[in-house]
């Protein structure tokens, strides 16, 4: 279940991050968006997190957009009672 969750989350995050890159396309002409973050995969708990790299080079709006992309992409599972 954890492996499936991570795969689903990573796939959805990549889709969301592509939208961020498109939205801020003019900013990423010199350096791609992937140069500004690193995905950390926590297999043991079925969770991913991101580390923002070169934070001082990024506008706050882009940092916020990356964070929102991670949150939007998080899989939602129904609790079984």
PDB file of N, CA and C in Angstrom:
ATOM      1  N   UNK A   1       0.819  -1.195   0.000  1.00  0.00           N
ATOM      2  CA  UNK A   1       0.000   0.000   0.000  1.00  0.00           C
ATOM      3  C   UNK A   1       0.870   1.270   0.000  1.00  0.00           C
ATOM      4  N   UNK A   2       1.940   1.253   0.797  1.00  0.00           N
ATOM      5  CA  UNK A   2       2.819   2.418   0.867  1.00  0.00           C
ATOM      6  C   UNK A   2       3.494   2.676  -0.476  1.00  0.00           C
ATOM      7  N   UNK A   3       3.936   1.609  -1.129  1.00  0.00           N
ATOM      8  CA  UNK A   3       4.603   1.743  -2.424  1.00  0.00           C
ATOM      9  C   UNK A   3       3.644   2.325  -3.468  1.00  0.00           C
ATOM     10  N   UNK A   4       2.417   1.848  -3.469  1.00  0.00           N
ATOM     11  CA  UNK A   4       1.398   2.343  -4.390  1.00  0.00           C
ATOM     12  C   UNK A   4       1.107   3.817  -4.120  1.00  0.00           C
ATOM     13  N   UNK A   5       1.040   4.177  -2.849  1.00  0.00           N
ATOM     14  CA  UNK A   5       0.784   5.567  -2.457  1.00  0.00           C
ATOM     15  C   UNK A   5       1.899   6.482  -2.965  1.00  0.00           C
ATOM     16  N   UNK A   6       3.143   6.051  -2.793  1.00  0.00           N
ATOM     17  CA  UNK A   6       4.285   6.857  -3.238  1.00  0.00           C
ATOM     18  C   UNK A   6       4.279   7.008  -4.752  1.00  0.00           C
ATOM     19  N   UNK A   7       4.014   5.928  -5.469  1.00  0.00           N
ATOM     20  CA  UNK A   7       3.976   5.996  -6.935  1.00  0.00           C
ATOM     21  C   UNK A   7       2.882   6.945  -7.406  1.00  0.00           C
ATOM     22  N   UNK A   8       1.710   6.824  -6.807  1.00  0.00           N
ATOM     23  CA  UNK A   8       0.585   7.682  -7.182  1.00  0.00           C
ATOM     24  C   UNK A   8       0.903   9.144  -6.872  1.00  0.00           C
ATOM     25  N   UNK A   9       1.468   9.382  -5.700  1.00  0.00           N
ATOM     26  CA  UNK A   9       1.796  10.735  -5.275  1.00  0.00           C
ATOM     27  C   UNK A   9       2.849  11.349  -6.185  1.00  0.00           C
ATOM     28  N   UNK A  10       3.895  10.609  -6.489  1.00  0.00           N
ATOM     29  CA  UNK A  10       4.966  11.104  -7.349  1.00  0.00           C
ATOM     30  C   UNK A  10       4.448  11.429  -8.751  1.00  0.00           C
ATOM     31  N   UNK A  11       3.625  10.564  -9.286  1.00  0.00           N
ATOM     32  CA  UNK A  11       3.059  10.792 -10.621  1.00  0.00           C
ATOM     33  C   UNK A  11       2.223  12.069 -10.641  1.00  0.00           C
ATOM     34  N   UNK A  12       1.348  12.212  -9.661  1.00  0.00           N
ATOM     35  CA  UNK A  12       0.479  13.394  -9.593  1.00  0.00           C
ATOM     36  C   UNK A  12       1.305  14.663  -9.341  1.00  0.00           C
ATOM     37  N   UNK A  13       2.354  14.558  -8.509  1.00  0.00           N
ATOM     38  CA  UNK A  13       3.218  15.713  -8.251  1.00  0.00           C
ATOM     39  C   UNK A  13       3.897  16.173  -9.536  1.00  0.00           C
ATOM     40  N   UNK A  14       4.384  15.223 -10.326  1.00  0.00           N
ATOM     41  CA  UNK A  14       5.024  15.580 -11.598  1.00  0.00           C
ATOM     42  C   UNK A  14       4.054  16.306 -12.527  1.00  0.00           C
ATOM     43  N   UNK A  15       2.791  15.913 -12.506  1.00  0.00           N
ATOM     44  CA  UNK A  15       1.771  16.596 -13.310  1.00  0.00           C
ATOM     45  C   UNK A  15       1.548  18.014 -12.792  1.00  0.00           C
ATOM     46  N   UNK A  16       1.461  18.153 -11.482  1.00  0.00           N
ATOM     47  CA  UNK A  16       1.232  19.470 -10.867  1.00  0.00           C
ATOM     48  C   UNK A  16       2.436  20.395 -11.088  1.00  0.00           C
ATOM     49  N   UNK A  17       3.636  19.853 -10.957  1.00  0.00           N
ATOM     50  CA  UNK A  17       4.835  20.674 -11.091  1.00  0.00           C
ATOM     51  C   UNK A  17       5.014  21.145 -12.535  1.00  0.00           C
ATOM     52  N   UNK A  18       4.538  20.359 -13.489  1.00  0.00           N
ATOM     53  CA  UNK A  18       4.579  20.779 -14.896  1.00  0.00           C
ATOM     54  C   UNK A  18       3.713  22.025 -15.098  1.00  0.00           C
ATOM     55  N   UNK A  19       2.608  22.098 -14.380  1.00  0.00           N
ATOM     56  CA  UNK A  19       1.745  23.282 -14.459  1.00  0.00           C
ATOM     57  C   UNK A  19       2.428  24.503 -13.841  1.00  0.00           C
ATOM     58  N   UNK A  20       3.160  24.291 -12.762  1.00  0.00           N
ATOM     59  CA  UNK A  20       3.909  25.393 -12.132  1.00  0.00           C
ATOM     60  C   UNK A  20       4.967  25.906 -13.102  1.00  0.00           C
ATOM     61  N   UNK A  21       5.678  24.978 -13.736  1.00  0.00           N
ATOM     62  CA  UNK A  21       6.715  25.379 -14.683  1.00  0.00           C
ATOM     63  C   UNK A  21       6.123  26.150 -15.860  1.00  0.00           C
ATOM     64  N   UNK A  22       4.960  25.736 -16.309  1.00  0.00           N
ATOM     65  CA  UNK A  22       4.291  26.431 -17.402  1.00  0.00           C
ATOM     66  C   UNK A  22       3.848  27.833 -16.967  1.00  0.00           C
ATOM     67  N   UNK A  23       3.315  27.941 -15.759  1.00  0.00           N
ATOM     68  CA  UNK A  23       2.840  29.230 -15.244  1.00  0.00           C
ATOM     69  C   UNK A  23       3.977  30.241 -15.117  1.00  0.00           C
ATOM     70  N   UNK A  24       5.144  29.782 -14.697  1.00  0.00           N
ATOM     71  CA  UNK A  24       6.289  30.672 -14.485  1.00  0.00           C
ATOM     72  C   UNK A  24       7.372  30.442 -15.547  1.00  0.00           C
ATOM     73  N   UNK A  25       6.936  30.122 -16.750  1.00  0.00           N
ATOM     74  CA  UNK A  25       7.818  29.751 -17.863  1.00  0.00           C
ATOM     75  C   UNK A  25       8.941  30.764 -18.093  1.00  0.00           C
ATOM     76  N   UNK A  26       8.641  32.026 -18.037  1.00  0.00           N
ATOM     77  CA  UNK A  26       9.665  33.031 -18.326  1.00  0.00           C
ATOM     78  C   UNK A  26      10.782  33.026 -17.280  1.00  0.00           C
ATOM     79  N   UNK A  27      10.470  32.659 -16.043  1.00  0.00           N
ATOM     80  CA  UNK A  27      11.486  32.617 -14.997  1.00  0.00           C
ATOM     81  C   UNK A  27      12.466  31.464 -15.224  1.00  0.00           C
ATOM     82  N   UNK A  28      11.977  30.359 -15.774  1.00  0.00           N
ATOM     83  CA  UNK A  28      12.780  29.151 -15.899  1.00  0.00           C
ATOM     84  C   UNK A  28      13.475  29.000 -17.252  1.00  0.00           C
ATOM     85  N   UNK A  29      13.719  30.097 -17.926  1.00  0.00           N
ATOM     86  CA  UNK A  29      14.430  30.031 -19.210  1.00  0.00           C
ATOM     87  C   UNK A  29      15.911  29.729 -19.012  1.00  0.00           C
ATOM     88  N   UNK A  30      16.501  30.235 -17.951  1.00  0.00           N
ATOM     89  CA  UNK A  30      17.929  30.021 -17.703  1.00  0.00           C
ATOM     90  C   UNK A  30      18.210  28.699 -16.994  1.00  0.00           C
ATOM     91  N   UNK A  31      17.339  28.322 -16.107  1.00  0.00           N
ATOM     92  CA  UNK A  31      17.546  27.144 -15.271  1.00  0.00           C
ATOM     93  C   UNK A  31      16.207  26.440 -15.099  1.00  0.00           C
ATOM     94  N   UNK A  32      16.133  25.131 -15.312  1.00  0.00           N
ATOM     95  CA  UNK A  32      14.841  24.438 -15.202  1.00  0.00           C
ATOM     96  C   UNK A  32      14.341  24.380 -13.756  1.00  0.00           C
ATOM     97  N   UNK A  33      13.051  24.244 -13.613  1.00  0.00           N
ATOM     98  CA  UNK A  33      12.433  24.179 -12.290  1.00  0.00           C
ATOM     99  C   UNK A  33      13.026  23.049 -11.449  1.00  0.00           C
ATOM    100  N   UNK A  34      13.329  21.913 -12.072  1.00  0.00           N
ATOM    101  CA  UNK A  34      13.871  20.757 -11.331  1.00  0.00           C
ATOM    102  C   UNK A  34      15.188  21.078 -10.627  1.00  0.00           C
ATOM    103  N   UNK A  35      15.854  22.138 -11.029  1.00  0.00           N
ATOM    104  CA  UNK A  35      17.107  22.535 -10.382  1.00  0.00           C
ATOM    105  C   UNK A  35      16.859  23.216  -9.037  1.00  0.00           C
ATOM    106  N   UNK A  36      15.601  23.499  -8.731  1.00  0.00           N
ATOM    107  CA  UNK A  36      15.272  24.235  -7.515  1.00  0.00           C
ATOM    108  C   UNK A  36      14.613  23.396  -6.426  1.00  0.00           C
ATOM    109  N   UNK A  37      14.404  22.114  -6.675  1.00  0.00           N
ATOM    110  CA  UNK A  37      13.812  21.276  -5.628  1.00  0.00           C
ATOM    111  C   UNK A  37      14.326  19.846  -5.734  1.00  0.00           C
ATOM    112  N   UNK A  38      14.190  19.136  -4.637  1.00  0.00           N
ATOM    113  CA  UNK A  38      14.579  17.732  -4.581  1.00  0.00           C
ATOM    114  C   UNK A  38      13.475  16.975  -3.848  1.00  0.00           C
ATOM    115  N   UNK A  39      13.015  15.878  -4.444  1.00  0.00           N
ATOM    116  CA  UNK A  39      11.985  15.050  -3.812  1.00  0.00           C
ATOM    117  C   UNK A  39      12.665  14.029  -2.908  1.00  0.00           C
ATOM    118  N   UNK A  40      12.187  13.951  -1.677  1.00  0.00           N
ATOM    119  CA  UNK A  40      12.668  12.933  -0.733  1.00  0.00           C
ATOM    120  C   UNK A  40      11.560  11.902  -0.577  1.00  0.00           C
ATOM    121  N   UNK A  41      11.906  10.642  -0.803  1.00  0.00           N
ATOM    122  CA  UNK A  41      10.930   9.560  -0.694  1.00  0.00           C
ATOM    123  C   UNK A  41      11.175   8.815   0.610  1.00  0.00           C
ATOM    124  N   UNK A  42      10.143   8.718   1.421  1.00  0.00           N
ATOM    125  CA  UNK A  42      10.207   8.033   2.709  1.00  0.00           C
ATOM    126  C   UNK A  42       9.412   6.737   2.574  1.00  0.00           C
ATOM    127  N   UNK A  43      10.084   5.701   2.054  1.00  0.00           N
ATOM    128  CA  UNK A  43       9.434   4.412   1.800  1.00  0.00           C
ATOM    129  C   UNK A  43       8.821   3.802   3.051  1.00  0.00           C
ATOM    130  N   UNK A  44       9.495   3.970   4.167  1.00  0.00           N
ATOM    131  CA  UNK A  44       9.048   3.328   5.397  1.00  0.00           C
ATOM    132  C   UNK A  44       7.682   3.814   5.876  1.00  0.00           C
ATOM    133  N   UNK A  45       7.336   5.062   5.555  1.00  0.00           N
ATOM    134  CA  UNK A  45       6.041   5.589   5.995  1.00  0.00           C
ATOM    135  C   UNK A  45       5.106   5.935   4.835  1.00  0.00           C
ATOM    136  N   UNK A  46       5.548   5.703   3.607  1.00  0.00           N
ATOM    137  CA  UNK A  46       4.703   5.983   2.448  1.00  0.00           C
ATOM    138  C   UNK A  46       4.449   7.466   2.241  1.00  0.00           C
ATOM    139  N   UNK A  47       5.503   8.260   2.340  1.00  0.00           N
ATOM    140  CA  UNK A  47       5.366   9.711   2.294  1.00  0.00           C
ATOM    141  C   UNK A  47       6.467  10.302   1.430  1.00  0.00           C
ATOM    142  N   UNK A  48       6.170  11.393   0.756  1.00  0.00           N
ATOM    143  CA  UNK A  48       7.220  12.137   0.056  1.00  0.00           C
ATOM    144  C   UNK A  48       7.237  13.568   0.588  1.00  0.00           C
ATOM    145  N   UNK A  49       8.401  14.166   0.513  1.00  0.00           N
ATOM    146  CA  UNK A  49       8.539  15.570   0.894  1.00  0.00           C
ATOM    147  C   UNK A  49       9.461  16.221  -0.135  1.00  0.00           C
ATOM    148  N   UNK A  50       9.500  17.537  -0.115  1.00  0.00           N
ATOM    149  CA  UNK A  50      10.369  18.250  -1.047  1.00  0.00           C
ATOM    150  C   UNK A  50      11.310  19.150  -0.263  1.00  0.00           C
ATOM    151  N   UNK A  51      12.481  19.318  -0.815  1.00  0.00           N
ATOM    152  CA  UNK A  51      13.449  20.257  -0.279  1.00  0.00           C
ATOM    153  C   UNK A  51      13.642  21.324  -1.343  1.00  0.00           C
ATOM    154  N   UNK A  52      13.408  22.572  -0.979  1.00  0.00           N
ATOM    155  CA  UNK A  52      13.597  23.688  -1.910  1.00  0.00           C
ATOM    156  C   UNK A  52      15.081  24.048  -1.890  1.00  0.00           C
ATOM    157  N   UNK A  53      15.713  24.002  -3.058  1.00  0.00           N
ATOM    158  CA  UNK A  53      17.124  24.337  -3.200  1.00  0.00           C
ATOM    159  C   UNK A  53      17.255  25.767  -3.714  1.00  0.00           C
ATOM    160  N   UNK A  54      18.332  26.410  -3.400  1.00  0.00           N
ATOM    161  CA  UNK A  54      18.583  27.784  -3.879  1.00  0.00           C
ATOM    162  C   UNK A  54      17.386  28.690  -3.621  1.00  0.00           C
ATOM    163  N   UNK A  55      16.848  28.584  -2.435  1.00  0.00           N
ATOM    164  CA  UNK A  55      15.648  29.335  -2.046  1.00  0.00           C
ATOM    165  C   UNK A  55      15.800  30.833  -2.299  1.00  0.00           C
ATOM    166  N   UNK A  56      16.993  31.366  -2.081  1.00  0.00           N
ATOM    167  CA  UNK A  56      17.225  32.799  -2.239  1.00  0.00           C
ATOM    168  C   UNK A  56      17.063  33.259  -3.683  1.00  0.00           C
ATOM    169  N   UNK A  57      17.151  32.329  -4.634  1.00  0.00           N
ATOM    170  CA  UNK A  57      17.008  32.680  -6.050  1.00  0.00           C
ATOM    171  C   UNK A  57      15.557  32.663  -6.528  1.00  0.00           C
ATOM    172  N   UNK A  58      14.668  32.112  -5.714  1.00  0.00           N
ATOM    173  CA  UNK A  58      13.274  31.948  -6.133  1.00  0.00           C
ATOM    174  C   UNK A  58      12.363  33.002  -5.528  1.00  0.00           C
ATOM    175  N   UNK A  59      11.446  33.534  -6.324  1.00  0.00           N
ATOM    176  CA  UNK A  59      10.420  34.411  -5.770  1.00  0.00           C
ATOM    177  C   UNK A  59       9.492  33.602  -4.844  1.00  0.00           C
ATOM    178  N   UNK A  60       8.934  34.258  -3.871  1.00  0.00           N
ATOM    179  CA  UNK A  60       8.034  33.613  -2.914  1.00  0.00           C
ATOM    180  C   UNK A  60       6.868  32.930  -3.616  1.00  0.00           C
ATOM    181  N   UNK A  61       6.366  33.513  -4.686  1.00  0.00           N
ATOM    182  CA  UNK A  61       5.230  32.941  -5.413  1.00  0.00           C
ATOM    183  C   UNK A  61       5.557  31.553  -5.967  1.00  0.00           C
ATOM    184  N   UNK A  62       6.778  31.365  -6.411  1.00  0.00           N
ATOM    185  CA  UNK A  62       7.175  30.064  -6.963  1.00  0.00           C
ATOM    186  C   UNK A  62       7.359  29.041  -5.845  1.00  0.00           C
ATOM    187  N   UNK A  63       7.957  29.450  -4.742  1.00  0.00           N
ATOM    188  CA  UNK A  63       8.087  28.553  -3.583  1.00  0.00           C
ATOM    189  C   UNK A  63       6.707  28.104  -3.121  1.00  0.00           C
ATOM    190  N   UNK A  64       5.783  29.049  -3.042  1.00  0.00           N
ATOM    191  CA  UNK A  64       4.405  28.716  -2.652  1.00  0.00           C
ATOM    192  C   UNK A  64       3.763  27.758  -3.650  1.00  0.00           C
ATOM    193  N   UNK A  65       3.978  27.996  -4.934  1.00  0.00           N
ATOM    194  CA  UNK A  65       3.381  27.145  -5.971  1.00  0.00           C
ATOM    195  C   UNK A  65       3.925  25.719  -5.905  1.00  0.00           C
ATOM    196  N   UNK A  66       5.208  25.555  -5.622  1.00  0.00           N
ATOM    197  CA  UNK A  66       5.801  24.224  -5.481  1.00  0.00           C
ATOM    198  C   UNK A  66       5.181  23.503  -4.279  1.00  0.00           C
ATOM    199  N   UNK A  67       5.044  24.223  -3.178  1.00  0.00           N
ATOM    200  CA  UNK A  67       4.452  23.648  -1.967  1.00  0.00           C
ATOM    201  C   UNK A  67       3.000  23.243  -2.199  1.00  0.00           C
ATOM    202  N   UNK A  68       2.245  24.083  -2.856  1.00  0.00           N
ATOM    203  CA  UNK A  68       0.847  23.770  -3.167  1.00  0.00           C
ATOM    204  C   UNK A  68       0.763  22.569  -4.102  1.00  0.00           C
ATOM    205  N   UNK A  69       1.679  22.464  -5.053  1.00  0.00           N
ATOM    206  CA  UNK A  69       1.702  21.310  -5.963  1.00  0.00           C
ATOM    207  C   UNK A  69       1.883  20.015  -5.178  1.00  0.00           C
ATOM    208  N   UNK A  70       2.757  20.040  -4.178  1.00  0.00           N
ATOM    209  CA  UNK A  70       2.962  18.851  -3.346  1.00  0.00           C
ATOM    210  C   UNK A  70       1.693  18.509  -2.582  1.00  0.00           C
ATOM    211  N   UNK A  71       1.062  19.509  -2.000  1.00  0.00           N
ATOM    212  CA  UNK A  71      -0.151  19.272  -1.217  1.00  0.00           C
ATOM    213  C   UNK A  71      -1.323  18.814  -2.083  1.00  0.00           C
ATOM    214  N   UNK A  72      -1.462  19.388  -3.256  1.00  0.00           N
ATOM    215  CA  UNK A  72      -2.546  18.986  -4.171  1.00  0.00           C
ATOM    216  C   UNK A  72      -2.371  17.557  -4.684  1.00  0.00           C
ATOM    217  N   UNK A  73      -1.141  17.140  -4.799  1.00  0.00           N
ATOM    218  CA  UNK A  73      -0.875  15.830  -5.374  1.00  0.00           C
ATOM    219  C   UNK A  73      -0.953  14.691  -4.355  1.00  0.00           C
ATOM    220  N   UNK A  74      -1.044  15.021  -3.091  1.00  0.00           N
ATOM    221  CA  UNK A  74      -1.083  13.981  -2.054  1.00  0.00           C
ATOM    222  C   UNK A  74      -2.311  13.101  -2.233  1.00  0.00           C
ATOM    223  N   UNK A  75      -2.111  11.777  -2.284  1.00  0.00           N
ATOM    224  CA  UNK A  75      -3.242  10.858  -2.463  1.00  0.00           C
ATOM    225  C   UNK A  75      -4.207  10.919  -1.274  1.00  0.00           C
ATOM    226  N   UNK A  76      -5.455  10.789  -1.580  1.00  0.00           N
ATOM    227  CA  UNK A  76      -6.495  10.761  -0.543  1.00  0.00           C
ATOM    228  C   UNK A  76      -7.085   9.361  -0.531  1.00  0.00           C
ATOM    229  N   UNK A  77      -7.076   8.741   0.623  1.00  0.00           N
ATOM    230  CA  UNK A  77      -7.637   7.403   0.763  1.00  0.00           C
ATOM    231  C   UNK A  77      -8.782   7.455   1.754  1.00  0.00           C
ATOM    232  N   UNK A  78      -9.861   6.748   1.446  1.00  0.00           N
ATOM    233  CA  UNK A  78     -10.995   6.685   2.347  1.00  0.00           C
ATOM    234  C   UNK A  78     -10.692   5.725   3.484  1.00  0.00           C
ATOM    235  N   UNK A  79     -11.145   6.090   4.660  1.00  0.00           N
ATOM    236  CA  UNK A  79     -11.002   5.209   5.800  1.00  0.00           C
ATOM    237  C   UNK A  79     -12.109   4.154   5.743  1.00  0.00           C
ATOM    238  N   UNK A  80     -11.738   2.933   5.989  1.00  0.00           N
ATOM    239  CA  UNK A  80     -12.705   1.841   6.002  1.00  0.00           C
ATOM    240  C   UNK A  80     -13.116   1.586   7.434  1.00  0.00           C
ATOM    241  N   UNK A  81     -14.398   1.671   7.679  1.00  0.00           N
ATOM    242  CA  UNK A  81     -14.891   1.465   9.048  1.00  0.00           C
ATOM    243  C   UNK A  81     -15.353   0.058   9.262  1.00  0.00           C
TER     244      UNK A  81
END
